[in-house]
Every structure is written in structure tokens, then in C-alpha cells.
């Protein structure tokens, strides 16, 4: 198994633990945010692997399926983990779902806002410390 396959399986297992009540949602969120920020190329490979692995295991395994939404530049915006939950009295299963949202666009906005602000301060020679 390559690194993307290993990480993909770890993330899917973490989602399963979340649905089983064995971990908090924050743990899954943290794994994805750190991977996106610190290893963006690997993050993209892992997401593609998550998508490719949909349906690989039977529903009885409990492993969730993944839906990925991308922006116009094909960057990952959301990842939705979905699995079958307990059986309802009507015979249908409840759908368990958790959504991870990228904060890439917010970080990018703050960085560009800060750069613009610094440019304006330098242009007017305003000392921020005053």
C-alpha cells in the first residue's frame, strides 16, 4: 500500500469510530485540516483514494462512503462521510453523516487582506506601533 492508500484507510476508520461513538468529530476534522495545510499534494491523493474506495467494502463493514465537492479550480471544498446507522422500525436504516469543510478559502482571504493592509501602510508610511 502506498501512503495515500494508508492515510485514506486511516481516515475512513476514524470516521467509522466517530459513527460508533468511539471518538469526537474534532479528531476527524483535525486530521483532514492538518493534512490539507501541511501536505496539500498528499491531501489531494488521499481524497482521490477516498473517492476510489467508495463501495469497496460491504455495507455491513460500517465503512462510510465519501462524497467530495470541489470548487471551480477543482480544490476540495467539502468531504461528506455517510454510513448506514441503526435500523428504523419501518425497516429502513438511518443515514449517519458528517461533513468536513476546507478552510482554505478563508485562510487565503485573510492572507490577501493582510498583504493589502501592509501595502497600504507602507504606501502611507503609517507606523502601526503608534
N, C-alpha and C. Protein backbone atom coordinates (compact mmCIF):
# COMPACT_ATOMS: atom_id res chain seq x y z
N UNK A 1 0.84 -1.19 0.00
CA UNK A 1 0.00 0.00 0.00
C UNK A 1 0.88 1.25 0.00
N UNK A 2 0.48 2.23 -0.78
CA UNK A 2 1.22 3.48 -0.78
C UNK A 2 0.69 4.40 0.33
N UNK A 3 1.33 5.53 0.52
CA UNK A 3 1.00 6.43 1.62
C UNK A 3 -0.44 6.95 1.52
N UNK A 4 -0.88 7.28 0.31
CA UNK A 4 -2.24 7.78 0.13
C UNK A 4 -3.27 6.72 0.50
N UNK A 5 -3.02 5.47 0.13
CA UNK A 5 -3.94 4.39 0.47
C UNK A 5 -4.01 4.17 1.98
N UNK A 6 -2.85 4.24 2.63
CA UNK A 6 -2.80 4.06 4.08
C UNK A 6 -3.55 5.18 4.78
N UNK A 7 -3.28 6.42 4.39
CA UNK A 7 -3.96 7.57 5.01
C UNK A 7 -5.47 7.51 4.75
N UNK A 8 -5.84 7.14 3.55
CA UNK A 8 -7.26 7.04 3.21
C UNK A 8 -7.97 6.04 4.12
N UNK A 9 -7.35 4.90 4.33
CA UNK A 9 -7.92 3.88 5.20
C UNK A 9 -7.98 4.37 6.65
N UNK A 10 -6.95 5.06 7.10
CA UNK A 10 -6.94 5.61 8.46
C UNK A 10 -8.09 6.61 8.65
N UNK A 11 -8.31 7.46 7.66
CA UNK A 11 -9.38 8.46 7.74
C UNK A 11 -10.74 7.77 7.74
N UNK A 12 -10.90 6.77 6.90
CA UNK A 12 -12.17 6.04 6.85
C UNK A 12 -12.43 5.33 8.19
N UNK A 13 -11.38 4.76 8.77
CA UNK A 13 -11.51 4.12 10.09
C UNK A 13 -11.88 5.13 11.16
N UNK A 14 -11.28 6.32 11.10
CA UNK A 14 -11.60 7.36 12.07
C UNK A 14 -13.06 7.77 11.95
N UNK A 15 -13.57 7.87 10.72
CA UNK A 15 -14.98 8.19 10.50
C UNK A 15 -15.87 7.09 11.08
N UNK A 16 -15.46 5.84 10.91
CA UNK A 16 -16.21 4.72 11.48
C UNK A 16 -16.23 4.81 13.00
N UNK A 17 -15.08 5.13 13.61
CA UNK A 17 -15.02 5.32 15.06
C UNK A 17 -15.95 6.44 15.50
N UNK A 18 -16.00 7.51 14.73
CA UNK A 18 -16.88 8.63 15.03
C UNK A 18 -18.34 8.17 15.03
N UNK A 19 -18.74 7.44 14.00
CA UNK A 19 -20.12 6.97 13.90
C UNK A 19 -20.45 5.96 14.99
N UNK A 20 -19.44 5.23 15.47
CA UNK A 20 -19.64 4.26 16.56
C UNK A 20 -19.58 4.92 17.93
N UNK A 21 -19.28 6.22 17.97
CA UNK A 21 -19.21 6.93 19.24
C UNK A 21 -17.91 6.73 20.00
N UNK A 22 -16.88 6.28 19.32
CA UNK A 22 -15.59 6.00 19.96
C UNK A 22 -14.61 7.15 19.88
N UNK A 23 -14.96 8.20 19.13
CA UNK A 23 -14.11 9.39 19.06
C UNK A 23 -14.99 10.60 18.78
N UNK A 24 -14.42 11.76 18.93
CA UNK A 24 -15.12 13.01 18.69
C UNK A 24 -14.94 13.45 17.24
N UNK A 25 -15.88 14.21 16.74
CA UNK A 25 -15.80 14.73 15.37
C UNK A 25 -14.55 15.57 15.17
N UNK A 26 -14.14 16.27 16.22
CA UNK A 26 -12.98 17.13 16.14
C UNK A 26 -11.72 16.36 15.74
N UNK A 27 -11.61 15.10 16.15
CA UNK A 27 -10.44 14.29 15.79
C UNK A 27 -10.35 14.09 14.28
N UNK A 28 -11.47 13.77 13.65
CA UNK A 28 -11.50 13.59 12.20
C UNK A 28 -11.23 14.91 11.50
N UNK A 29 -11.86 15.99 11.98
CA UNK A 29 -11.66 17.31 11.40
C UNK A 29 -10.18 17.71 11.45
N UNK A 30 -9.55 17.47 12.59
CA UNK A 30 -8.15 17.85 12.78
C UNK A 30 -7.23 17.10 11.81
N UNK A 31 -7.45 15.81 11.64
CA UNK A 31 -6.62 15.01 10.72
C UNK A 31 -6.68 15.61 9.31
N UNK A 32 -7.88 15.92 8.85
CA UNK A 32 -8.04 16.43 7.49
C UNK A 32 -7.47 17.83 7.34
N UNK A 33 -7.71 18.71 8.33
CA UNK A 33 -7.16 20.06 8.23
C UNK A 33 -5.64 20.06 8.24
N UNK A 34 -5.04 19.26 9.11
CA UNK A 34 -3.57 19.21 9.16
C UNK A 34 -2.99 18.67 7.85
N UNK A 35 -3.62 17.65 7.32
CA UNK A 35 -3.15 17.08 6.06
C UNK A 35 -3.29 18.11 4.93
N UNK A 36 -4.40 18.81 4.88
CA UNK A 36 -4.63 19.81 3.83
C UNK A 36 -3.61 20.95 3.92
N UNK A 37 -3.33 21.40 5.12
CA UNK A 37 -2.43 22.55 5.30
C UNK A 37 -0.96 22.18 5.13
N UNK A 38 -0.58 21.04 5.68
CA UNK A 38 0.85 20.69 5.73
C UNK A 38 1.34 19.84 4.57
N UNK A 39 0.45 19.09 3.95
CA UNK A 39 0.84 18.22 2.83
C UNK A 39 -0.24 18.27 1.75
N UNK A 40 -0.41 19.40 1.10
CA UNK A 40 -1.52 19.55 0.14
C UNK A 40 -1.49 18.55 -1.02
N UNK A 41 -0.31 18.19 -1.49
CA UNK A 41 -0.25 17.21 -2.59
C UNK A 41 -0.72 15.84 -2.12
N UNK A 42 -0.28 15.43 -0.93
CA UNK A 42 -0.72 14.15 -0.37
C UNK A 42 -2.21 14.21 -0.06
N UNK A 43 -2.69 15.34 0.44
CA UNK A 43 -4.10 15.50 0.74
C UNK A 43 -4.94 15.22 -0.51
N UNK A 44 -4.54 15.78 -1.64
CA UNK A 44 -5.28 15.56 -2.88
C UNK A 44 -5.28 14.08 -3.27
N UNK A 45 -4.14 13.42 -3.12
CA UNK A 45 -4.07 11.98 -3.44
C UNK A 45 -4.95 11.16 -2.50
N UNK A 46 -4.97 11.54 -1.22
CA UNK A 46 -5.79 10.83 -0.24
C UNK A 46 -7.27 11.00 -0.57
N UNK A 47 -7.67 12.20 -0.93
CA UNK A 47 -9.07 12.44 -1.27
C UNK A 47 -9.46 11.63 -2.51
N UNK A 48 -8.59 11.59 -3.49
CA UNK A 48 -8.88 10.78 -4.69
C UNK A 48 -8.99 9.30 -4.33
N UNK A 49 -8.15 8.86 -3.41
CA UNK A 49 -8.20 7.47 -2.95
C UNK A 49 -9.50 7.21 -2.18
N UNK A 50 -9.90 8.16 -1.34
CA UNK A 50 -11.17 8.02 -0.62
C UNK A 50 -12.33 7.83 -1.61
N UNK A 51 -12.33 8.64 -2.65
CA UNK A 51 -13.38 8.53 -3.67
C UNK A 51 -13.31 7.18 -4.38
N UNK A 52 -12.12 6.75 -4.71
CA UNK A 52 -11.95 5.48 -5.44
C UNK A 52 -12.37 4.28 -4.60
N UNK A 53 -12.25 4.41 -3.28
CA UNK A 53 -12.57 3.28 -2.40
C UNK A 53 -14.05 3.18 -2.05
N UNK A 54 -14.87 4.12 -2.51
CA UNK A 54 -16.31 4.01 -2.26
C UNK A 54 -16.83 2.69 -2.78
N UNK A 55 -17.62 2.00 -1.96
CA UNK A 55 -18.19 0.74 -2.37
C UNK A 55 -17.24 -0.43 -2.31
N UNK A 56 -16.03 -0.20 -1.87
CA UNK A 56 -15.04 -1.28 -1.82
C UNK A 56 -15.39 -2.33 -0.77
N UNK A 57 -16.00 -1.87 0.32
CA UNK A 57 -16.39 -2.78 1.39
C UNK A 57 -17.90 -2.89 1.44
N UNK A 58 -18.40 -3.97 1.99
CA UNK A 58 -19.86 -4.15 2.07
C UNK A 58 -20.44 -3.19 3.11
N UNK A 59 -21.74 -2.96 3.02
CA UNK A 59 -22.41 -2.08 3.97
C UNK A 59 -22.28 -2.59 5.40
N UNK A 60 -22.18 -3.91 5.56
CA UNK A 60 -22.06 -4.47 6.91
C UNK A 60 -20.73 -4.15 7.57
N UNK A 61 -19.73 -3.71 6.79
CA UNK A 61 -18.44 -3.36 7.36
C UNK A 61 -18.54 -2.07 8.17
N UNK A 62 -19.53 -1.24 7.84
CA UNK A 62 -19.70 0.02 8.54
C UNK A 62 -18.88 1.16 7.97
N UNK A 63 -17.95 0.84 7.07
CA UNK A 63 -17.13 1.91 6.49
C UNK A 63 -18.01 2.88 5.72
N UNK A 64 -17.79 4.16 5.94
CA UNK A 64 -18.62 5.16 5.25
C UNK A 64 -18.20 5.35 3.81
N UNK A 65 -19.15 5.80 3.02
CA UNK A 65 -18.85 6.27 1.67
C UNK A 65 -18.55 7.76 1.76
N UNK A 66 -17.87 8.26 0.76
CA UNK A 66 -17.43 9.65 0.77
C UNK A 66 -17.97 10.36 -0.47
N UNK A 67 -18.45 11.59 -0.26
CA UNK A 67 -18.80 12.47 -1.37
C UNK A 67 -17.91 13.69 -1.25
N UNK A 68 -17.31 14.11 -2.35
CA UNK A 68 -16.40 15.25 -2.35
C UNK A 68 -16.98 16.33 -3.25
N UNK A 69 -16.98 17.55 -2.73
CA UNK A 69 -17.39 18.70 -3.53
C UNK A 69 -16.17 19.57 -3.74
N UNK A 70 -16.00 20.01 -4.98
CA UNK A 70 -14.84 20.83 -5.35
C UNK A 70 -15.29 22.19 -5.86
N UNK A 71 -14.39 23.16 -5.78
CA UNK A 71 -14.70 24.49 -6.31
C UNK A 71 -14.38 24.53 -7.80
N UNK A 72 -14.50 25.70 -8.40
CA UNK A 72 -14.27 25.84 -9.84
C UNK A 72 -12.82 25.57 -10.23
N UNK A 73 -11.91 25.68 -9.27
CA UNK A 73 -10.49 25.38 -9.54
C UNK A 73 -10.13 23.95 -9.17
N UNK A 74 -11.17 23.13 -8.90
CA UNK A 74 -11.02 21.72 -8.56
C UNK A 74 -10.36 21.47 -7.19
N UNK A 75 -10.38 22.48 -6.32
CA UNK A 75 -9.88 22.29 -4.96
C UNK A 75 -11.01 21.69 -4.12
N UNK A 76 -10.64 20.82 -3.21
CA UNK A 76 -11.61 20.18 -2.34
C UNK A 76 -12.21 21.23 -1.41
N UNK A 77 -13.53 21.31 -1.40
CA UNK A 77 -14.24 22.24 -0.51
C UNK A 77 -14.88 21.51 0.66
N UNK A 78 -15.55 20.39 0.37
CA UNK A 78 -16.16 19.61 1.44
C UNK A 78 -15.98 18.12 1.17
N UNK A 79 -15.94 17.39 2.25
CA UNK A 79 -15.95 15.93 2.19
C UNK A 79 -17.08 15.49 3.12
N UNK A 80 -18.01 14.72 2.59
CA UNK A 80 -19.13 14.23 3.37
C UNK A 80 -18.94 12.73 3.56
N UNK A 81 -18.93 12.30 4.82
CA UNK A 81 -18.82 10.89 5.17
C UNK A 81 -20.23 10.41 5.50
N UNK A 82 -20.68 9.32 4.86
CA UNK A 82 -22.01 8.79 5.11
C UNK A 82 -21.95 7.28 5.30
N UNK A 83 -22.71 6.82 6.30
CA UNK A 83 -22.77 5.38 6.57
C UNK A 83 -24.18 5.03 7.01
N UNK A 84 -24.50 3.75 6.92
CA UNK A 84 -25.80 3.29 7.40
C UNK A 84 -25.76 3.17 8.91
N UNK A 85 -26.81 3.68 9.55
CA UNK A 85 -26.92 3.60 11.00
C UNK A 85 -27.84 2.46 11.40
N UNK A 86 -28.46 2.63 12.55
CA UNK A 86 -29.38 1.61 13.08
C UNK A 86 -30.62 1.49 12.20
N UNK A 87 -31.21 0.31 12.29
CA UNK A 87 -32.42 0.06 11.52
C UNK A 87 -33.61 0.70 12.22
N UNK A 88 -34.42 1.40 11.45
CA UNK A 88 -35.62 2.05 11.98
C UNK A 88 -36.76 1.04 12.01
N UNK A 89 -37.82 1.35 12.76
CA UNK A 89 -38.97 0.43 12.81
C UNK A 89 -39.60 0.16 11.44
N UNK A 90 -39.47 1.11 10.51
CA UNK A 90 -40.05 0.91 9.18
C UNK A 90 -39.18 0.04 8.28
N UNK A 91 -38.06 -0.43 8.80
CA UNK A 91 -37.19 -1.33 8.04
C UNK A 91 -36.04 -0.63 7.33
N UNK A 92 -36.10 0.68 7.22
CA UNK A 92 -35.02 1.44 6.60
C UNK A 92 -33.95 1.75 7.63
N UNK A 93 -32.76 2.02 7.13
CA UNK A 93 -31.66 2.40 8.00
C UNK A 93 -31.54 3.92 8.06
N UNK A 94 -31.18 4.43 9.24
CA UNK A 94 -30.90 5.86 9.32
C UNK A 94 -29.56 6.10 8.63
N UNK A 95 -29.37 7.28 8.10
CA UNK A 95 -28.13 7.64 7.43
C UNK A 95 -27.32 8.51 8.38
N UNK A 96 -26.12 8.07 8.72
CA UNK A 96 -25.21 8.85 9.54
C UNK A 96 -24.35 9.68 8.61
N UNK A 97 -24.15 10.93 8.97
CA UNK A 97 -23.41 11.82 8.09
C UNK A 97 -22.62 12.83 8.89
N UNK A 98 -21.41 13.11 8.41
CA UNK A 98 -20.60 14.18 8.97
C UNK A 98 -19.90 14.87 7.81
N UNK A 99 -19.79 16.19 7.91
CA UNK A 99 -19.21 16.98 6.82
C UNK A 99 -17.96 17.70 7.29
N UNK A 100 -16.90 17.58 6.52
CA UNK A 100 -15.67 18.33 6.75
C UNK A 100 -15.63 19.43 5.71
N UNK A 101 -15.32 20.65 6.15
CA UNK A 101 -15.22 21.78 5.23
C UNK A 101 -13.81 22.34 5.26
N UNK A 102 -13.28 22.57 4.09
CA UNK A 102 -11.96 23.18 3.97
C UNK A 102 -12.04 24.63 4.41
N UNK A 103 -11.00 25.08 5.08
CA UNK A 103 -10.94 26.50 5.43
C UNK A 103 -9.92 27.22 4.55
N UNK A 104 -9.55 26.59 3.45
CA UNK A 104 -8.55 27.15 2.54
C UNK A 104 -8.95 28.53 2.03
N UNK A 105 -10.20 28.70 1.65
CA UNK A 105 -10.61 29.99 1.10
C UNK A 105 -10.58 31.08 2.16
N UNK A 106 -10.93 30.75 3.41
CA UNK A 106 -10.87 31.74 4.48
C UNK A 106 -9.43 32.14 4.78
N UNK A 107 -8.54 31.16 4.81
CA UNK A 107 -7.13 31.44 5.06
C UNK A 107 -6.58 32.31 3.94
N UNK A 108 -6.92 31.97 2.70
CA UNK A 108 -6.46 32.74 1.54
C UNK A 108 -6.97 34.18 1.61
N UNK A 109 -8.23 34.36 2.02
CA UNK A 109 -8.80 35.70 2.14
C UNK A 109 -8.05 36.51 3.20
N UNK A 110 -7.78 35.91 4.37
CA UNK A 110 -7.06 36.61 5.44
C UNK A 110 -5.65 36.99 4.98
N UNK A 111 -4.98 36.07 4.29
CA UNK A 111 -3.62 36.36 3.80
C UNK A 111 -3.63 37.51 2.81
N UNK A 112 -4.56 37.52 1.88
CA UNK A 112 -4.59 38.60 0.89
C UNK A 112 -5.01 39.92 1.54
N UNK A 113 -5.93 39.89 2.49
CA UNK A 113 -6.34 41.09 3.20
C UNK A 113 -5.16 41.68 3.97
N UNK A 114 -4.40 40.82 4.64
CA UNK A 114 -3.24 41.28 5.40
C UNK A 114 -2.18 41.87 4.49
N UNK A 115 -1.92 41.24 3.36
CA UNK A 115 -0.94 41.78 2.40
C UNK A 115 -1.37 43.15 1.89
N UNK A 116 -2.65 43.29 1.55
CA UNK A 116 -3.16 44.58 1.09
C UNK A 116 -3.04 45.65 2.17
N UNK A 117 -3.35 45.29 3.39
CA UNK A 117 -3.26 46.21 4.51
C UNK A 117 -1.82 46.67 4.72
N UNK A 118 -0.88 45.72 4.65
CA UNK A 118 0.53 46.07 4.82
C UNK A 118 1.03 46.95 3.68
N UNK A 119 0.57 46.70 2.47
CA UNK A 119 0.95 47.54 1.33
C UNK A 119 0.46 48.97 1.53
N UNK A 120 -0.78 49.11 1.98
CA UNK A 120 -1.34 50.44 2.22
C UNK A 120 -0.59 51.16 3.33
N UNK A 121 -0.21 50.44 4.38
CA UNK A 121 0.53 51.05 5.49
C UNK A 121 1.90 51.54 5.02
N UNK A 122 2.57 50.75 4.20
CA UNK A 122 3.88 51.15 3.69
C UNK A 122 3.75 52.36 2.75
N UNK A 123 2.69 52.36 1.95
CA UNK A 123 2.49 53.45 1.00
C UNK A 123 2.22 54.78 1.69
N UNK A 124 1.60 54.74 2.85
CA UNK A 124 1.27 55.98 3.56
C UNK A 124 2.23 56.26 4.71
N UNK A 125 3.23 55.38 4.89
CA UNK A 125 4.22 55.50 5.97
C UNK A 125 3.57 55.65 7.34
N UNK A 126 2.55 54.89 7.59
CA UNK A 126 1.91 54.89 8.90
C UNK A 126 2.61 53.87 9.78
N UNK A 127 2.96 54.28 10.97
CA UNK A 127 3.60 53.38 11.93
C UNK A 127 2.51 52.73 12.76
N UNK A 128 2.32 51.43 12.57
CA UNK A 128 1.26 50.70 13.27
C UNK A 128 1.48 50.70 14.78
N UNK A 129 2.71 50.78 15.22
CA UNK A 129 3.02 50.71 16.65
C UNK A 129 2.55 51.95 17.41
N UNK A 130 2.30 53.04 16.74
CA UNK A 130 1.90 54.28 17.43
C UNK A 130 0.53 54.20 18.04
